[in-house]
N, C-alpha and C. Protein backbone atom coordinates (compact mmCIF):
# COMPACT_ATOMS: atom_id res chain seq x y z
N MET A 1 193.98 210.29 -50.13
CA MET A 1 192.94 209.28 -50.16
C MET A 1 193.22 208.18 -49.15
N ALA A 2 194.48 207.79 -49.09
CA ALA A 2 194.86 206.76 -48.12
C ALA A 2 194.71 207.27 -46.71
N LEU A 3 195.03 208.55 -46.50
CA LEU A 3 194.91 209.15 -45.16
C LEU A 3 193.46 209.18 -44.72
N ALA A 4 192.57 209.49 -45.63
CA ALA A 4 191.15 209.54 -45.28
C ALA A 4 190.64 208.16 -44.89
N ALA A 5 191.16 207.12 -45.56
CA ALA A 5 190.72 205.76 -45.25
C ALA A 5 191.17 205.36 -43.87
N ARG A 6 192.43 205.77 -43.51
CA ARG A 6 192.93 205.42 -42.18
C ARG A 6 192.10 206.08 -41.10
N VAL A 7 191.74 207.35 -41.34
CA VAL A 7 190.94 208.08 -40.34
C VAL A 7 189.59 207.41 -40.14
N MET A 8 188.98 206.93 -41.21
CA MET A 8 187.68 206.28 -41.10
C MET A 8 187.79 204.97 -40.34
N VAL A 9 188.86 204.20 -40.56
CA VAL A 9 189.05 202.93 -39.85
C VAL A 9 189.21 203.17 -38.37
N VAL A 10 190.01 204.18 -38.02
CA VAL A 10 190.22 204.51 -36.60
C VAL A 10 188.90 204.91 -35.95
N ALA A 11 188.10 205.67 -36.63
CA ALA A 11 186.81 206.12 -36.09
C ALA A 11 185.88 204.95 -35.86
N LEU A 12 185.84 204.00 -36.81
CA LEU A 12 184.99 202.84 -36.66
C LEU A 12 185.42 201.97 -35.49
N LEU A 13 186.75 201.82 -35.32
CA LEU A 13 187.26 201.04 -34.19
C LEU A 13 186.90 201.68 -32.86
N ALA A 14 186.96 203.00 -32.80
CA ALA A 14 186.62 203.70 -31.57
C ALA A 14 185.15 203.52 -31.23
N LEU A 15 184.27 203.56 -32.22
CA LEU A 15 182.84 203.36 -31.97
C LEU A 15 182.56 201.95 -31.49
N GLY A 16 183.28 200.97 -32.08
CA GLY A 16 183.09 199.57 -31.65
C GLY A 16 183.53 199.36 -30.21
N PHE A 17 184.60 200.00 -29.78
CA PHE A 17 185.09 199.88 -28.40
C PHE A 17 184.08 200.46 -27.42
N LEU A 18 183.51 201.61 -27.77
CA LEU A 18 182.51 202.23 -26.89
C LEU A 18 181.26 201.37 -26.78
N GLY A 19 180.90 200.67 -27.84
CA GLY A 19 179.71 199.83 -27.81
C GLY A 19 179.88 198.63 -26.91
N CYS A 20 181.12 198.18 -26.70
CA CYS A 20 181.38 197.01 -25.85
C CYS A 20 181.59 197.37 -24.39
N ALA A 21 181.66 198.62 -24.07
CA ALA A 21 181.89 199.03 -22.67
C ALA A 21 180.66 198.70 -21.82
N VAL A 22 180.87 198.44 -20.48
CA VAL A 22 179.78 198.14 -19.55
C VAL A 22 178.99 199.41 -19.28
N PRO A 23 177.69 199.34 -19.50
CA PRO A 23 176.89 200.56 -19.28
C PRO A 23 176.73 200.84 -17.80
N GLU A 24 176.62 202.08 -17.47
CA GLU A 24 176.39 202.49 -16.08
C GLU A 24 174.89 202.72 -15.86
N ASP A 25 174.36 202.20 -14.68
CA ASP A 25 172.95 202.39 -14.34
C ASP A 25 172.81 203.55 -13.38
N ASP A 26 171.68 204.21 -13.48
CA ASP A 26 171.40 205.30 -12.55
C ASP A 26 171.00 204.78 -11.18
N ALA A 27 170.50 203.51 -11.08
CA ALA A 27 170.03 202.93 -9.81
C ALA A 27 170.32 201.44 -9.83
N PRO A 28 170.38 200.81 -8.64
CA PRO A 28 170.62 199.36 -8.60
C PRO A 28 169.51 198.62 -9.33
N ARG A 29 169.87 197.51 -9.96
CA ARG A 29 168.88 196.71 -10.65
C ARG A 29 169.13 195.24 -10.36
N ALA A 30 168.06 194.46 -10.38
CA ALA A 30 168.16 193.03 -10.11
C ALA A 30 168.81 192.32 -11.27
N LEU A 31 169.67 191.38 -10.95
CA LEU A 31 170.33 190.60 -11.97
C LEU A 31 169.56 189.31 -12.22
N GLU A 32 169.59 188.88 -13.44
CA GLU A 32 169.00 187.59 -13.76
C GLU A 32 169.82 186.49 -13.11
N PRO A 33 169.17 185.43 -12.58
CA PRO A 33 169.91 184.34 -11.94
C PRO A 33 171.01 183.77 -12.82
N ALA A 34 170.77 183.75 -14.14
CA ALA A 34 171.77 183.19 -15.04
C ALA A 34 173.03 184.03 -15.08
N SER A 35 172.94 185.28 -14.64
CA SER A 35 174.09 186.17 -14.67
C SER A 35 174.90 186.14 -13.38
N VAL A 36 174.37 185.44 -12.32
CA VAL A 36 175.04 185.40 -11.02
C VAL A 36 175.84 184.12 -10.90
N PRO A 37 177.09 184.18 -10.41
CA PRO A 37 177.90 182.96 -10.23
C PRO A 37 177.17 181.94 -9.37
N PHE A 38 177.31 180.65 -9.76
CA PHE A 38 176.59 179.58 -9.06
C PHE A 38 176.90 179.56 -7.58
N SER A 39 178.13 179.83 -7.19
CA SER A 39 178.53 179.77 -5.78
C SER A 39 177.78 180.77 -4.94
N LEU A 40 177.33 181.87 -5.57
CA LEU A 40 176.57 182.87 -4.83
C LEU A 40 175.10 182.50 -4.73
N LEU A 41 174.65 181.62 -5.62
CA LEU A 41 173.25 181.22 -5.59
C LEU A 41 173.02 180.02 -4.68
N ALA A 42 174.06 179.28 -4.33
CA ALA A 42 173.90 178.06 -3.56
C ALA A 42 173.29 178.36 -2.20
N THR A 43 172.32 177.54 -1.80
CA THR A 43 171.69 177.71 -0.49
C THR A 43 172.50 176.99 0.58
N SER A 44 172.34 177.47 1.80
CA SER A 44 173.08 176.88 2.92
C SER A 44 172.58 175.47 3.20
N THR A 45 173.50 174.56 3.48
CA THR A 45 173.14 173.18 3.82
C THR A 45 173.19 172.95 5.32
N THR A 46 173.39 174.01 6.11
CA THR A 46 173.44 173.87 7.55
C THR A 46 172.04 173.61 8.10
N THR A 47 171.88 172.59 8.96
CA THR A 47 170.59 172.27 9.57
C THR A 47 170.70 172.38 11.08
N THR A 48 169.58 172.74 11.70
CA THR A 48 169.52 172.85 13.15
C THR A 48 168.82 171.63 13.72
N THR A 49 169.51 170.92 14.59
CA THR A 49 168.94 169.72 15.21
C THR A 49 168.38 170.08 16.58
N VAL A 50 167.07 169.84 16.75
CA VAL A 50 166.42 170.12 18.03
C VAL A 50 166.48 168.86 18.88
N PRO A 51 167.11 168.95 20.05
CA PRO A 51 167.19 167.74 20.90
C PRO A 51 165.81 167.29 21.34
N GLN A 52 165.58 165.99 21.30
CA GLN A 52 164.29 165.44 21.69
C GLN A 52 164.36 164.92 23.11
N GLU A 53 163.21 165.07 23.79
CA GLU A 53 163.13 164.56 25.16
C GLU A 53 163.19 163.04 25.14
N PRO A 54 163.98 162.46 26.03
CA PRO A 54 164.04 160.99 26.06
C PRO A 54 162.70 160.41 26.49
N ASP A 55 162.39 159.25 25.95
CA ASP A 55 161.14 158.58 26.32
C ASP A 55 161.18 158.19 27.79
N VAL A 56 160.08 158.45 28.49
CA VAL A 56 159.99 158.12 29.91
C VAL A 56 159.32 156.76 30.04
N ALA A 57 159.96 155.85 30.75
CA ALA A 57 159.40 154.52 30.94
C ALA A 57 158.10 154.61 31.72
N GLN A 58 157.13 153.79 31.35
CA GLN A 58 155.82 153.77 32.00
C GLN A 58 155.62 152.43 32.71
N VAL A 59 154.87 152.47 33.80
CA VAL A 59 154.50 151.25 34.51
C VAL A 59 152.98 151.27 34.71
N ALA A 60 152.41 150.09 34.84
CA ALA A 60 150.96 149.96 35.07
C ALA A 60 150.70 149.75 36.55
N LEU A 61 149.83 150.59 37.12
CA LEU A 61 149.43 150.46 38.52
C LEU A 61 147.96 150.04 38.59
N SER A 62 147.66 149.21 39.57
CA SER A 62 146.28 148.77 39.78
C SER A 62 145.54 149.77 40.66
N VAL A 63 144.34 150.12 40.23
CA VAL A 63 143.44 151.00 40.98
C VAL A 63 142.09 150.29 41.04
N TYR A 64 141.45 150.37 42.20
CA TYR A 64 140.18 149.65 42.38
C TYR A 64 139.01 150.62 42.44
N LEU A 65 138.12 150.46 41.47
CA LEU A 65 136.90 151.25 41.40
C LEU A 65 135.71 150.38 41.81
N VAL A 66 134.50 150.92 41.66
CA VAL A 66 133.30 150.24 42.15
C VAL A 66 132.35 149.96 41.00
N ASP A 67 131.89 148.72 40.95
CA ASP A 67 130.79 148.35 40.07
C ASP A 67 129.52 148.38 40.91
N ASN A 68 128.76 149.45 40.77
CA ASN A 68 127.57 149.62 41.62
C ASN A 68 126.52 148.53 41.41
N ASP A 69 126.47 147.99 40.20
CA ASP A 69 125.48 146.95 39.94
C ASP A 69 125.76 145.69 40.73
N ALA A 70 127.06 145.42 40.96
CA ALA A 70 127.42 144.19 41.66
C ALA A 70 127.85 144.44 43.10
N ASP A 71 127.96 145.72 43.50
CA ASP A 71 128.46 146.08 44.84
C ASP A 71 129.81 145.42 45.11
N GLN A 72 130.67 145.47 44.09
CA GLN A 72 132.00 144.90 44.22
C GLN A 72 133.03 145.84 43.63
N LEU A 73 134.27 145.58 44.02
CA LEU A 73 135.37 146.34 43.46
C LEU A 73 135.76 145.78 42.09
N VAL A 74 136.31 146.65 41.27
CA VAL A 74 136.78 146.26 39.95
C VAL A 74 138.19 146.82 39.76
N GLU A 75 139.10 145.97 39.36
CA GLU A 75 140.47 146.40 39.14
C GLU A 75 140.62 147.02 37.75
N VAL A 76 141.20 148.22 37.71
CA VAL A 76 141.58 148.85 36.45
C VAL A 76 143.05 149.22 36.55
N THR A 77 143.68 149.46 35.42
CA THR A 77 145.09 149.81 35.44
C THR A 77 145.28 151.23 34.90
N ARG A 78 146.26 151.89 35.46
CA ARG A 78 146.63 153.24 35.01
C ARG A 78 148.11 153.24 34.67
N SER A 79 148.45 153.84 33.54
CA SER A 79 149.84 153.94 33.12
C SER A 79 150.43 155.22 33.66
N VAL A 80 151.52 155.10 34.42
CA VAL A 80 152.17 156.26 35.05
C VAL A 80 153.67 156.16 34.83
N PRO A 81 154.40 157.27 34.95
CA PRO A 81 155.85 157.21 34.81
C PRO A 81 156.48 156.31 35.87
N ALA A 82 157.47 155.53 35.45
CA ALA A 82 158.17 154.65 36.38
C ALA A 82 158.87 155.49 37.45
N PRO A 83 159.04 154.99 38.66
CA PRO A 83 158.79 153.60 39.06
C PRO A 83 157.39 153.36 39.63
N GLY A 84 156.60 154.40 39.85
CA GLY A 84 155.29 154.21 40.50
C GLY A 84 155.47 154.01 42.00
N SER A 85 154.38 154.12 42.75
CA SER A 85 154.44 153.96 44.20
C SER A 85 153.02 153.87 44.73
N VAL A 86 152.91 153.55 46.03
CA VAL A 86 151.59 153.53 46.66
C VAL A 86 150.97 154.91 46.59
N ARG A 87 151.77 155.94 46.83
CA ARG A 87 151.24 157.32 46.79
C ARG A 87 150.68 157.64 45.40
N VAL A 88 151.41 157.26 44.37
CA VAL A 88 150.95 157.55 43.01
C VAL A 88 149.67 156.79 42.71
N ALA A 89 149.60 155.52 43.12
CA ALA A 89 148.40 154.72 42.89
C ALA A 89 147.20 155.32 43.60
N LEU A 90 147.39 155.76 44.85
CA LEU A 90 146.28 156.35 45.60
C LEU A 90 145.87 157.71 45.02
N THR A 91 146.84 158.44 44.50
CA THR A 91 146.51 159.71 43.84
C THR A 91 145.64 159.45 42.62
N GLU A 92 145.97 158.41 41.86
CA GLU A 92 145.14 158.03 40.72
C GLU A 92 143.74 157.64 41.18
N LEU A 93 143.67 156.90 42.30
CA LEU A 93 142.38 156.47 42.84
C LEU A 93 141.52 157.66 43.21
N LEU A 94 142.11 158.61 43.93
CA LEU A 94 141.34 159.76 44.39
C LEU A 94 140.91 160.67 43.24
N GLY A 95 141.59 160.54 42.10
CA GLY A 95 141.20 161.32 40.93
C GLY A 95 139.90 160.85 40.31
N GLY A 96 139.42 159.68 40.72
CA GLY A 96 138.14 159.17 40.24
C GLY A 96 138.25 158.46 38.91
N PRO A 97 137.14 157.92 38.44
CA PRO A 97 137.12 157.18 37.17
C PRO A 97 137.35 158.11 35.99
N THR A 98 137.94 157.57 34.94
CA THR A 98 138.06 158.30 33.69
C THR A 98 136.70 158.30 32.98
N GLY A 99 136.59 159.09 31.92
CA GLY A 99 135.35 159.11 31.16
C GLY A 99 134.99 157.74 30.61
N GLN A 100 136.00 157.03 30.11
CA GLN A 100 135.76 155.71 29.56
C GLN A 100 135.29 154.74 30.64
N GLU A 101 135.89 154.86 31.83
CA GLU A 101 135.49 153.99 32.94
C GLU A 101 134.06 154.28 33.39
N LEU A 102 133.70 155.57 33.41
CA LEU A 102 132.32 155.93 33.76
C LEU A 102 131.34 155.34 32.75
N ASN A 103 131.72 155.41 31.47
CA ASN A 103 130.85 154.86 30.44
C ASN A 103 130.71 153.34 30.56
N SER A 104 131.69 152.71 31.21
CA SER A 104 131.66 151.27 31.41
C SER A 104 130.87 150.88 32.66
N GLY A 105 130.31 151.88 33.35
CA GLY A 105 129.51 151.60 34.53
C GLY A 105 130.29 151.58 35.83
N LEU A 106 131.51 152.10 35.81
CA LEU A 106 132.32 152.12 37.02
C LEU A 106 132.23 153.48 37.70
N THR A 107 132.36 153.48 39.00
CA THR A 107 132.32 154.71 39.77
C THR A 107 133.26 154.57 40.96
N SER A 108 133.17 155.51 41.90
CA SER A 108 134.00 155.45 43.10
C SER A 108 133.16 155.90 44.29
N ALA A 109 133.37 155.23 45.41
CA ALA A 109 132.70 155.64 46.65
C ALA A 109 133.42 156.79 47.33
N ILE A 110 134.59 157.15 46.81
CA ILE A 110 135.41 158.21 47.41
C ILE A 110 135.10 159.53 46.72
N ALA A 111 134.73 160.53 47.50
CA ALA A 111 134.44 161.85 46.93
C ALA A 111 135.70 162.45 46.31
N ARG A 112 135.53 163.16 45.18
CA ARG A 112 136.68 163.79 44.51
C ARG A 112 137.33 164.85 45.38
N SER A 113 136.62 165.34 46.37
CA SER A 113 137.19 166.36 47.27
C SER A 113 138.17 165.76 48.27
N THR A 114 138.22 164.44 48.36
CA THR A 114 139.11 163.78 49.32
C THR A 114 140.56 164.02 48.93
N ALA A 115 141.36 164.44 49.91
CA ALA A 115 142.78 164.73 49.66
C ALA A 115 143.65 163.67 50.31
N LEU A 116 144.71 163.30 49.60
CA LEU A 116 145.72 162.41 50.16
C LEU A 116 146.76 163.27 50.86
N LEU A 117 146.81 163.17 52.18
CA LEU A 117 147.71 164.03 52.97
C LEU A 117 149.06 163.38 53.24
N GLY A 118 149.16 162.09 53.03
CA GLY A 118 150.44 161.45 53.23
C GLY A 118 150.34 159.93 53.18
N VAL A 119 151.48 159.30 52.91
CA VAL A 119 151.61 157.85 52.93
C VAL A 119 152.93 157.53 53.62
N ASP A 120 152.88 156.79 54.71
CA ASP A 120 154.08 156.38 55.43
C ASP A 120 154.26 154.88 55.32
N GLY A 121 155.51 154.46 55.22
CA GLY A 121 155.80 153.03 55.14
C GLY A 121 156.07 152.60 53.72
N PRO A 122 156.09 151.30 53.50
CA PRO A 122 155.61 150.26 54.43
C PRO A 122 156.60 149.92 55.54
N VAL A 123 156.04 149.59 56.70
CA VAL A 123 156.78 149.07 57.83
C VAL A 123 156.21 147.70 58.14
N ASN A 124 157.02 146.68 57.98
CA ASN A 124 156.54 145.30 58.15
C ASN A 124 155.32 145.03 57.27
N GLY A 125 155.34 145.60 56.08
CA GLY A 125 154.27 145.37 55.12
C GLY A 125 153.07 146.28 55.27
N VAL A 126 153.08 147.17 56.27
CA VAL A 126 151.91 148.01 56.54
C VAL A 126 152.22 149.47 56.20
N VAL A 127 151.32 150.09 55.44
CA VAL A 127 151.43 151.52 55.16
C VAL A 127 150.36 152.26 55.95
N THR A 128 150.67 153.49 56.33
CA THR A 128 149.68 154.36 56.98
C THR A 128 149.25 155.40 55.96
N VAL A 129 147.95 155.41 55.67
CA VAL A 129 147.40 156.33 54.67
C VAL A 129 146.66 157.44 55.40
N ASN A 130 147.11 158.66 55.18
CA ASN A 130 146.53 159.83 55.84
C ASN A 130 145.63 160.57 54.84
N LEU A 131 144.34 160.62 55.14
CA LEU A 131 143.37 161.23 54.25
C LEU A 131 142.68 162.41 54.93
N SER A 132 142.07 163.24 54.10
CA SER A 132 141.23 164.31 54.65
C SER A 132 139.96 163.70 55.24
N ASP A 133 139.22 164.51 55.98
CA ASP A 133 138.04 164.02 56.71
C ASP A 133 136.87 163.63 55.81
N ASP A 134 136.99 163.87 54.50
CA ASP A 134 135.86 163.62 53.60
C ASP A 134 135.35 162.19 53.70
N VAL A 135 136.27 161.23 53.86
CA VAL A 135 135.85 159.82 53.92
C VAL A 135 134.96 159.57 55.13
N ARG A 136 135.22 160.25 56.22
CA ARG A 136 134.44 160.01 57.43
C ARG A 136 133.03 160.59 57.35
N THR A 137 132.77 161.42 56.35
CA THR A 137 131.42 161.96 56.19
C THR A 137 130.52 160.99 55.44
N ILE A 138 131.10 159.93 54.87
CA ILE A 138 130.31 158.91 54.18
C ILE A 138 129.78 157.94 55.22
N GLY A 139 128.57 157.50 55.07
CA GLY A 139 127.99 156.58 56.05
C GLY A 139 127.79 155.19 55.50
N GLY A 140 127.67 154.23 56.41
CA GLY A 140 127.28 152.87 56.08
C GLY A 140 128.19 152.17 55.11
N GLN A 141 127.58 151.43 54.19
CA GLN A 141 128.35 150.61 53.25
C GLN A 141 129.19 151.47 52.32
N GLY A 142 128.74 152.69 52.02
CA GLY A 142 129.52 153.58 51.16
C GLY A 142 130.89 153.84 51.74
N GLN A 143 130.96 154.05 53.07
CA GLN A 143 132.25 154.30 53.70
C GLN A 143 133.11 153.04 53.67
N ARG A 144 132.50 151.89 53.94
CA ARG A 144 133.26 150.64 53.92
C ARG A 144 133.80 150.36 52.52
N MET A 145 133.00 150.67 51.51
CA MET A 145 133.45 150.48 50.13
C MET A 145 134.62 151.41 49.82
N ALA A 146 134.53 152.66 50.29
CA ALA A 146 135.61 153.62 50.06
C ALA A 146 136.91 153.14 50.72
N LEU A 147 136.81 152.65 51.95
CA LEU A 147 137.99 152.13 52.64
C LEU A 147 138.55 150.91 51.92
N ALA A 148 137.65 150.06 51.43
CA ALA A 148 138.08 148.88 50.68
C ALA A 148 138.85 149.29 49.42
N GLN A 149 138.40 150.33 48.75
CA GLN A 149 139.11 150.81 47.56
C GLN A 149 140.55 151.20 47.90
N VAL A 150 140.71 151.89 49.03
CA VAL A 150 142.04 152.30 49.46
C VAL A 150 142.90 151.08 49.79
N VAL A 151 142.33 150.13 50.55
CA VAL A 151 143.07 148.94 50.97
C VAL A 151 143.51 148.11 49.76
N PHE A 152 142.59 147.86 48.84
CA PHE A 152 142.93 147.04 47.68
C PHE A 152 143.95 147.73 46.78
N THR A 153 143.80 149.05 46.60
CA THR A 153 144.74 149.79 45.75
C THR A 153 146.13 149.80 46.38
N ALA A 154 146.20 150.06 47.69
CA ALA A 154 147.50 150.12 48.37
C ALA A 154 148.18 148.76 48.39
N THR A 155 147.42 147.70 48.66
CA THR A 155 148.02 146.37 48.78
C THR A 155 148.31 145.73 47.43
N ALA A 156 147.96 146.41 46.34
CA ALA A 156 148.37 145.94 45.02
C ALA A 156 149.85 146.19 44.78
N ALA A 157 150.44 147.09 45.59
CA ALA A 157 151.86 147.40 45.45
C ALA A 157 152.69 146.27 46.07
N PRO A 158 153.81 145.93 45.47
CA PRO A 158 154.67 144.88 46.03
C PRO A 158 155.12 145.24 47.44
N GLY A 159 155.07 144.28 48.33
CA GLY A 159 155.55 144.48 49.69
C GLY A 159 154.56 145.10 50.64
N VAL A 160 153.36 145.43 50.17
CA VAL A 160 152.35 146.03 51.04
C VAL A 160 151.26 145.00 51.28
N THR A 161 151.01 144.70 52.56
CA THR A 161 150.00 143.69 52.92
C THR A 161 148.85 144.25 53.75
N GLY A 162 149.01 145.44 54.32
CA GLY A 162 147.96 146.00 55.17
C GLY A 162 148.00 147.51 55.20
N VAL A 163 146.90 148.10 55.70
CA VAL A 163 146.77 149.55 55.71
C VAL A 163 146.24 150.02 57.06
N LEU A 164 146.90 151.01 57.62
CA LEU A 164 146.38 151.76 58.76
C LEU A 164 145.86 153.09 58.24
N PHE A 165 144.83 153.62 58.90
CA PHE A 165 144.23 154.87 58.44
C PHE A 165 144.45 155.99 59.45
N ALA A 166 144.68 157.18 58.91
CA ALA A 166 144.70 158.40 59.71
C ALA A 166 143.89 159.44 58.95
N PHE A 167 143.25 160.34 59.70
CA PHE A 167 142.47 161.41 59.08
C PHE A 167 142.95 162.74 59.65
N GLU A 168 143.31 163.64 58.72
CA GLU A 168 143.85 164.94 59.12
C GLU A 168 145.05 164.76 60.07
N GLY A 169 145.83 163.71 59.84
CA GLY A 169 147.03 163.48 60.62
C GLY A 169 146.84 162.69 61.90
N GLU A 170 145.60 162.37 62.25
CA GLU A 170 145.32 161.66 63.49
C GLU A 170 144.98 160.19 63.21
N PRO A 171 145.73 159.24 63.80
CA PRO A 171 145.38 157.82 63.63
C PRO A 171 143.95 157.58 64.06
N SER A 172 143.26 156.73 63.30
CA SER A 172 141.82 156.58 63.55
C SER A 172 141.38 155.13 63.37
N GLN A 173 140.36 154.76 64.16
CA GLN A 173 139.68 153.51 63.94
C GLN A 173 138.76 153.66 62.73
N VAL A 174 138.62 152.57 61.98
CA VAL A 174 137.72 152.57 60.83
C VAL A 174 136.96 151.25 60.81
N PRO A 175 135.82 151.20 60.15
CA PRO A 175 135.08 149.94 60.06
C PRO A 175 135.69 149.01 59.02
N ASP A 176 135.66 147.72 59.31
CA ASP A 176 136.07 146.75 58.31
C ASP A 176 134.87 146.43 57.42
N GLY A 177 135.00 145.39 56.61
CA GLY A 177 133.93 145.08 55.68
C GLY A 177 132.62 144.68 56.33
N GLN A 178 132.69 144.23 57.59
CA GLN A 178 131.49 143.84 58.32
C GLN A 178 130.95 144.95 59.20
N GLY A 179 131.61 146.10 59.16
CA GLY A 179 131.15 147.24 59.95
C GLY A 179 131.73 147.28 61.35
N GLN A 180 132.68 146.39 61.68
CA GLN A 180 133.30 146.37 62.99
C GLN A 180 134.46 147.38 63.04
N SER A 181 134.41 148.31 63.97
CA SER A 181 135.45 149.34 64.07
C SER A 181 136.73 148.75 64.63
N THR A 182 137.87 149.13 64.03
CA THR A 182 139.15 148.60 64.46
C THR A 182 140.25 149.60 64.18
N ALA A 183 141.29 149.54 65.03
CA ALA A 183 142.48 150.36 64.82
C ALA A 183 143.63 149.51 64.28
N ALA A 184 143.37 148.23 64.04
CA ALA A 184 144.40 147.31 63.52
C ALA A 184 144.55 147.51 62.02
N PRO A 185 145.70 147.10 61.47
CA PRO A 185 145.86 147.17 60.01
C PRO A 185 144.79 146.33 59.31
N LEU A 186 144.30 146.85 58.22
CA LEU A 186 143.28 146.15 57.44
C LEU A 186 143.90 145.61 56.15
N ASP A 187 143.47 144.40 55.78
CA ASP A 187 143.95 143.83 54.52
C ASP A 187 142.76 143.42 53.67
N ARG A 188 143.03 142.76 52.57
CA ARG A 188 141.95 142.41 51.65
C ARG A 188 140.94 141.44 52.27
N ALA A 189 141.41 140.58 53.14
CA ALA A 189 140.50 139.62 53.76
C ALA A 189 139.45 140.33 54.60
N ASP A 190 139.77 141.52 55.13
CA ASP A 190 138.81 142.26 55.94
C ASP A 190 137.68 142.84 55.09
N PHE A 191 137.89 142.89 53.79
CA PHE A 191 136.85 143.41 52.89
C PHE A 191 136.51 142.37 51.83
N ALA A 192 136.51 141.10 52.23
CA ALA A 192 136.24 140.02 51.28
C ALA A 192 134.88 140.16 50.61
N THR A 193 133.95 140.82 51.29
CA THR A 193 132.61 141.02 50.71
C THR A 193 132.67 141.77 49.39
N PHE A 194 133.66 142.66 49.27
CA PHE A 194 133.77 143.49 48.07
C PHE A 194 134.82 142.98 47.10
N ASP A 195 135.46 141.86 47.43
CA ASP A 195 136.54 141.33 46.61
C ASP A 195 135.98 140.71 45.34
N PRO A 196 136.37 141.20 44.17
CA PRO A 196 135.80 140.65 42.93
C PRO A 196 136.22 139.21 42.67
N THR A 197 137.28 138.75 43.33
CA THR A 197 137.75 137.38 43.11
C THR A 197 137.24 136.42 44.18
N ALA A 198 136.58 136.95 45.21
CA ALA A 198 136.19 136.09 46.33
C ALA A 198 135.15 135.06 45.94
N GLY A 199 134.30 135.39 44.98
CA GLY A 199 133.23 134.48 44.60
C GLY A 199 133.60 133.54 43.47
N ALA A 200 134.87 133.63 43.02
CA ALA A 200 135.28 132.78 41.90
C ALA A 200 135.35 131.33 42.36
N THR A 201 134.80 130.44 41.58
CA THR A 201 134.83 129.01 41.91
C THR A 201 135.37 128.22 40.73
N ASP A 202 135.88 127.05 41.03
CA ASP A 202 136.42 126.18 40.00
C ASP A 202 135.30 125.36 39.40
N THR A 203 135.03 125.59 38.11
CA THR A 203 133.94 124.89 37.44
C THR A 203 134.44 123.85 36.43
N SER A 204 135.76 123.56 36.51
CA SER A 204 136.35 122.67 35.51
C SER A 204 135.78 121.26 35.61
N SER A 205 135.29 120.85 36.81
CA SER A 205 134.78 119.48 36.98
C SER A 205 133.31 119.36 36.62
N ARG A 206 132.70 120.50 36.29
CA ARG A 206 131.27 120.46 35.99
C ARG A 206 131.04 120.10 34.52
């Protein structure tokens, strides 16, 4: 009787051991997150830093457009990367008015087809501006206004007081504001008729 009891105890212990064994799966199976060690669940904290382009300093350049209603020049400013130059200012000029400037009633006497072929100087304050022949196809006051735009825009740069003109690489005579042809350097006084500040008067005593 005692022997039979021992055999039954051993059998029960063996069944309990088999019940605690890890079962084998026929195929891989997903584990519940709670069953996975925390260190294996942790996400990477590594970040990728994308280098940013440094800010480029900007400068304001003066460009002179035309107010057709007043037959005068109007100064506008364009923001360009520093340091700016006469060439950059003239390139902005030849690009014509912006949409906002057109809506404000401003235009240009210079055809958009006009190309800037070069800028030399300044030498003793004078720059030589080499343009395509498009400017010479304009007649009368339109041409004088176009030349005035170039002169005022170029002489807005520090150290520039006058402009000589060349077309297609050839030095050329051009008309001043009064229509007199000259090969001498032109300055703002030569186009005083179109100067927006020429008619300003002191009214403080009135």
